[in-house]
Amino acid sequence: MRGKYSPTVSEAYAADQNWHDTYADGNWYDPDGYDSYGYDENDIDRAGNHENDYMSDEDLYMDVYSDWGFSDGKPST
């Protein structure tokens, strides 16, 4: 596991450190239902993985990381 952030948001933060504040318009959850760490209220990320899934599977983290980018102000595949 690379830390608290979902791999789905890594490129977003690399592109714009304030992307979540902008996209969420000051709310805790963005319009898609994800917090600034990239997880919804059930700790599931945009790729459909639970936060804990990454703790024991570095390959999963890297696979998801390589599939996600940043466009239109938010993480995207």
C-alpha atoms as a PDB file:
ATOM      1  CA  MET A   1       0.000   0.000   0.000  1.00  0.00           C
ATOM      2  CA  ARG A   2       1.323   3.403  -0.937  1.00  0.00           C
ATOM      3  CA  GLY A   3      -0.538   5.398   1.673  1.00  0.00           C
ATOM      4  CA  LYS A   4      -4.049   6.552   2.388  1.00  0.00           C
ATOM      5  CA  TYR A   5      -4.763   7.875  -1.115  1.00  0.00           C
ATOM      6  CA  SER A   6      -6.419   5.675  -3.705  1.00  0.00           C
ATOM      7  CA  PRO A   7      -4.247   5.106  -6.764  1.00  0.00           C
ATOM      8  CA  THR A   8      -7.143   6.552  -8.774  1.00  0.00           C
ATOM      9  CA  VAL A   9      -6.295  10.059  -7.506  1.00  0.00           C
ATOM     10  CA  SER A  10      -2.496  10.011  -7.728  1.00  0.00           C
ATOM     11  CA  GLU A  11      -2.349  11.555 -11.202  1.00  0.00           C
ATOM     12  CA  ALA A  12      -4.968  14.112 -10.227  1.00  0.00           C
ATOM     13  CA  TYR A  13      -2.856  15.373  -7.340  1.00  0.00           C
ATOM     14  CA  ALA A  14       0.271  15.333  -9.505  1.00  0.00           C
ATOM     15  CA  ALA A  15      -1.529  17.528 -12.047  1.00  0.00           C
ATOM     16  CA  ASP A  16      -3.295  19.851  -9.594  1.00  0.00           C
ATOM     17  CA  GLN A  17      -2.912  19.815  -5.813  1.00  0.00           C
ATOM     18  CA  ASN A  18      -6.263  21.618  -5.476  1.00  0.00           C
ATOM     19  CA  TRP A  19      -8.309  19.507  -7.887  1.00  0.00           C
ATOM     20  CA  HIS A  20     -10.590  18.058  -5.193  1.00  0.00           C
ATOM     21  CA  ASP A  21     -11.359  21.409  -3.578  1.00  0.00           C
ATOM     22  CA  THR A  22     -12.246  22.785  -6.987  1.00  0.00           C
ATOM     23  CA  TYR A  23     -14.227  19.770  -8.178  1.00  0.00           C
ATOM     24  CA  ALA A  24     -16.049  19.240  -4.865  1.00  0.00           C
ATOM     25  CA  ASP A  25     -16.787  22.969  -4.574  1.00  0.00           C
ATOM     26  CA  GLY A  26     -15.781  22.998  -0.923  1.00  0.00           C
ATOM     27  CA  ASN A  27     -17.745  19.887   0.044  1.00  0.00           C
ATOM     28  CA  TRP A  28     -16.319  16.772   1.711  1.00  0.00           C
ATOM     29  CA  TYR A  29     -17.502  14.529  -1.162  1.00  0.00           C
ATOM     30  CA  ASP A  30     -17.223  15.505  -4.819  1.00  0.00           C
ATOM     31  CA  PRO A  31     -20.196  15.266  -7.226  1.00  0.00           C
ATOM     32  CA  ASP A  32     -19.272  11.626  -7.923  1.00  0.00           C
ATOM     33  CA  GLY A  33     -19.424  10.790  -4.197  1.00  0.00           C
ATOM     34  CA  TYR A  34     -15.682  10.499  -3.448  1.00  0.00           C
ATOM     35  CA  ASP A  35     -13.666  12.242  -0.753  1.00  0.00           C
ATOM     36  CA  SER A  36     -10.267  13.853  -1.235  1.00  0.00           C
ATOM     37  CA  TYR A  37      -8.566  10.499  -0.645  1.00  0.00           C
ATOM     38  CA  GLY A  38     -10.496   8.956  -3.542  1.00  0.00           C
ATOM     39  CA  TYR A  39     -12.944   6.803  -1.560  1.00  0.00           C
ATOM     40  CA  ASP A  40     -16.720   6.893  -1.146  1.00  0.00           C
ATOM     41  CA  GLU A  41     -18.603   6.528   2.139  1.00  0.00           C
ATOM     42  CA  ASN A  42     -18.019   2.754   1.996  1.00  0.00           C
ATOM     43  CA  ASP A  43     -14.249   3.138   1.424  1.00  0.00           C
ATOM     44  CA  ILE A  44     -14.564   2.026  -2.212  1.00  0.00           C
ATOM     45  CA  ASP A  45     -12.586   3.937  -4.854  1.00  0.00           C
ATOM     46  CA  ARG A  46     -13.447   4.800  -8.448  1.00  0.00           C
ATOM     47  CA  ALA A  47     -11.875   1.547  -9.625  1.00  0.00           C
ATOM     48  CA  GLY A  48     -14.264  -0.441  -7.407  1.00  0.00           C
ATOM     49  CA  ASN A  49     -11.673  -1.525  -4.862  1.00  0.00           C
ATOM     50  CA  HIS A  50     -11.900  -1.213  -1.098  1.00  0.00           C
ATOM     51  CA  GLU A  51      -9.187   0.787   0.611  1.00  0.00           C
ATOM     52  CA  ASN A  52      -7.991  -2.344   2.441  1.00  0.00           C
ATOM     53  CA  ASP A  53      -7.546  -4.250  -0.851  1.00  0.00           C
ATOM     54  CA  TYR A  54      -4.426  -2.206  -1.548  1.00  0.00           C
ATOM     55  CA  MET A  55      -2.851  -3.020   1.822  1.00  0.00           C
ATOM     56  CA  SER A  56      -1.990  -6.559   0.847  1.00  0.00           C
ATOM     57  CA  ASP A  57      -1.742  -6.296  -2.927  1.00  0.00           C
ATOM     58  CA  GLU A  58       0.942  -4.020  -4.357  1.00  0.00           C
ATOM     59  CA  ASP A  59       0.254  -5.383  -7.849  1.00  0.00           C
ATOM     60  CA  LEU A  60      -3.378  -4.279  -7.596  1.00  0.00           C
ATOM     61  CA  TYR A  61      -2.267  -0.803  -6.557  1.00  0.00           C
ATOM     62  CA  MET A  62       0.125  -0.539  -9.502  1.00  0.00           C
ATOM     63  CA  ASP A  63      -2.425  -1.917 -11.991  1.00  0.00           C
ATOM     64  CA  VAL A  64      -5.028   0.616 -10.913  1.00  0.00           C
ATOM     65  CA  TYR A  65      -2.446   3.404 -10.791  1.00  0.00           C
ATOM     66  CA  SER A  66      -1.405   2.744 -14.387  1.00  0.00           C
ATOM     67  CA  ASP A  67      -5.020   2.774 -15.612  1.00  0.00           C
ATOM     68  CA  TRP A  68      -6.042   6.158 -14.171  1.00  0.00           C
ATOM     69  CA  GLY A  69      -5.287   9.696 -15.270  1.00  0.00           C
ATOM     70  CA  PHE A  70      -6.678  13.172 -14.854  1.00  0.00           C
ATOM     71  CA  SER A  71      -8.985  15.050 -17.213  1.00  0.00           C
ATOM     72  CA  ASP A  72     -11.908  17.438 -17.035  1.00  0.00           C
ATOM     73  CA  GLY A  73     -10.915  18.371 -13.482  1.00  0.00           C
ATOM     74  CA  LYS A  74     -11.172  14.902 -11.974  1.00  0.00           C
ATOM     75  CA  PRO A  75      -9.599  11.407 -12.051  1.00  0.00           C
ATOM     76  CA  SER A  76     -10.580   9.366 -15.071  1.00  0.00           C
ATOM     77  CA  THR A  77      -9.731   6.183 -16.931  1.00  0.00           C
END
